[in-house]
Amino acid sequence: MLNINVSKIDQVALIEVQGRIDSTTALEFGQALAATIDDGERNIVLDLANVDYMSSAGLREIVSALKKVKRASGDLRIAQPSTRVSEVLEMAGLDTILQIFPNQTDAVSSY
């Protein structure tokens, strides 16, 4: 099961995700990211502290959202990914194209 909470801190949209992002939940995850961008949000922080598993389908949704928000002159940054998610991001080479922060505060204040 996937739980996605979108809130606003100053000029930043904070998307907190909890659960597993796999082939069955990646679409829901991607739709939440796309909806946030479609709502006009340009500064996005994705909090992955409570994500215990992420598949390649989840990574594709993150990359897709990153491309979409960059086209709109925005950015997507990652806050406190769990150990397992950090490993997946590194294996996929996404740690080189995404800014990753140790906590929400640092990620939000980086804008």
Protein backbone atom coordinates (compact mmCIF):
# COMPACT_ATOMS: atom_id res chain seq x y z
CA MET A 1 0.00 0.00 0.00
CA LEU A 2 1.17 3.49 -0.82
CA ASN A 3 0.42 6.64 1.15
CA ILE A 4 1.19 10.01 -0.48
CA ASN A 5 0.81 13.32 1.33
CA VAL A 6 1.32 16.64 -0.45
CA SER A 7 1.76 19.79 1.61
CA LYS A 8 3.22 23.25 1.14
CA ILE A 9 6.13 24.84 3.00
CA ASP A 10 6.71 28.43 1.87
CA GLN A 11 7.23 28.18 -1.92
CA VAL A 12 7.96 24.45 -1.88
CA ALA A 13 5.63 21.50 -2.47
CA LEU A 14 6.54 18.70 -0.07
CA ILE A 15 5.53 15.22 -1.19
CA GLU A 16 5.87 12.64 1.58
CA VAL A 17 5.65 9.04 0.45
CA GLN A 18 5.17 6.01 2.65
CA GLY A 19 5.17 2.35 1.63
CA ARG A 20 6.40 0.40 -1.38
CA ILE A 21 6.81 1.91 -4.84
CA ASP A 22 6.64 -1.05 -7.21
CA SER A 23 4.99 -1.96 -10.50
CA THR A 24 1.53 -1.89 -8.89
CA THR A 25 1.90 1.49 -7.13
CA ALA A 26 4.27 3.35 -9.48
CA LEU A 27 1.41 4.70 -11.60
CA GLU A 28 -0.31 6.18 -8.54
CA PHE A 29 3.03 7.66 -7.44
CA GLY A 30 3.62 9.15 -10.91
CA GLN A 31 0.10 10.59 -11.04
CA ALA A 32 0.62 12.33 -7.68
CA LEU A 33 3.89 13.85 -8.92
CA ALA A 34 2.34 14.93 -12.23
CA ALA A 35 -0.73 16.41 -10.50
CA THR A 36 1.51 18.48 -8.20
CA ILE A 37 3.43 19.85 -11.20
CA ASP A 38 0.18 20.41 -13.15
CA ASP A 39 -1.08 22.45 -10.17
CA GLY A 40 1.74 24.90 -10.89
CA GLU A 41 4.27 23.75 -8.32
CA ARG A 42 7.85 24.26 -9.52
CA ASN A 43 9.90 23.65 -6.36
CA ILE A 44 9.31 20.09 -5.24
CA VAL A 45 10.82 18.09 -2.39
CA LEU A 46 10.17 14.36 -2.42
CA ASP A 47 10.53 12.87 1.06
CA LEU A 48 11.37 9.16 0.73
CA ALA A 49 12.20 8.42 4.39
CA ASN A 50 9.31 5.97 4.74
CA VAL A 51 9.67 4.20 1.40
CA ASP A 52 10.95 0.70 2.11
CA TYR A 53 11.14 -0.45 -1.51
CA MET A 54 11.45 1.24 -4.88
CA SER A 55 11.43 -0.58 -8.21
CA SER A 56 12.68 0.64 -11.58
CA ALA A 57 9.07 1.66 -12.32
CA GLY A 58 9.25 4.08 -9.37
CA LEU A 59 12.58 5.44 -10.59
CA ARG A 60 11.06 6.05 -14.03
CA GLU A 61 8.28 8.11 -12.42
CA ILE A 62 10.83 10.24 -10.55
CA VAL A 63 12.85 10.84 -13.74
CA SER A 64 9.68 11.65 -15.67
CA ALA A 65 8.59 14.16 -13.01
CA LEU A 66 12.08 15.68 -12.91
CA LYS A 67 12.03 16.22 -16.69
CA LYS A 68 8.54 17.70 -16.56
CA VAL A 69 9.32 20.17 -13.76
CA LYS A 70 12.67 21.14 -15.33
CA ARG A 71 10.84 22.04 -18.57
CA ALA A 72 8.79 24.42 -16.41
CA SER A 73 12.00 25.94 -14.96
CA GLY A 74 11.62 24.13 -11.66
CA ASP A 75 13.42 21.33 -9.83
CA LEU A 76 12.70 18.18 -7.89
CA ARG A 77 14.88 17.34 -4.91
CA ILE A 78 14.98 14.28 -2.67
CA ALA A 79 14.89 14.41 1.14
CA GLN A 80 16.10 11.69 3.51
CA PRO A 81 15.76 8.62 1.30
CA SER A 82 15.77 5.35 3.25
CA THR A 83 18.95 3.27 3.04
CA ARG A 84 17.39 0.89 0.52
CA VAL A 85 16.10 3.73 -1.68
CA SER A 86 19.51 5.46 -1.52
CA GLU A 87 21.14 2.28 -2.81
CA VAL A 88 18.65 2.04 -5.68
CA LEU A 89 19.17 5.70 -6.62
CA GLU A 90 22.95 5.18 -6.63
CA MET A 91 22.78 1.96 -8.66
CA ALA A 92 20.65 3.74 -11.25
CA GLY A 93 23.06 6.69 -11.31
CA LEU A 94 20.30 9.06 -10.25
CA ASP A 95 22.33 10.36 -7.32
CA THR A 96 24.32 12.30 -9.92
CA ILE A 97 21.32 14.08 -11.50
CA LEU A 98 19.12 14.54 -8.41
CA GLN A 99 19.99 16.72 -5.45
CA ILE A 100 19.62 14.53 -2.35
CA PHE A 101 19.44 15.99 1.15
CA PRO A 102 19.72 14.34 4.59
CA ASN A 103 16.47 15.91 5.86
CA GLN A 104 13.37 17.87 4.83
CA THR A 105 14.61 21.16 6.29
CA ASP A 106 17.81 21.18 4.22
CA ALA A 107 15.94 20.15 1.07
CA VAL A 108 13.25 22.82 1.46
CA SER A 109 15.72 25.57 2.34
CA SER A 110 17.90 24.67 -0.67
CA TYR A 111 15.44 26.55 -2.94
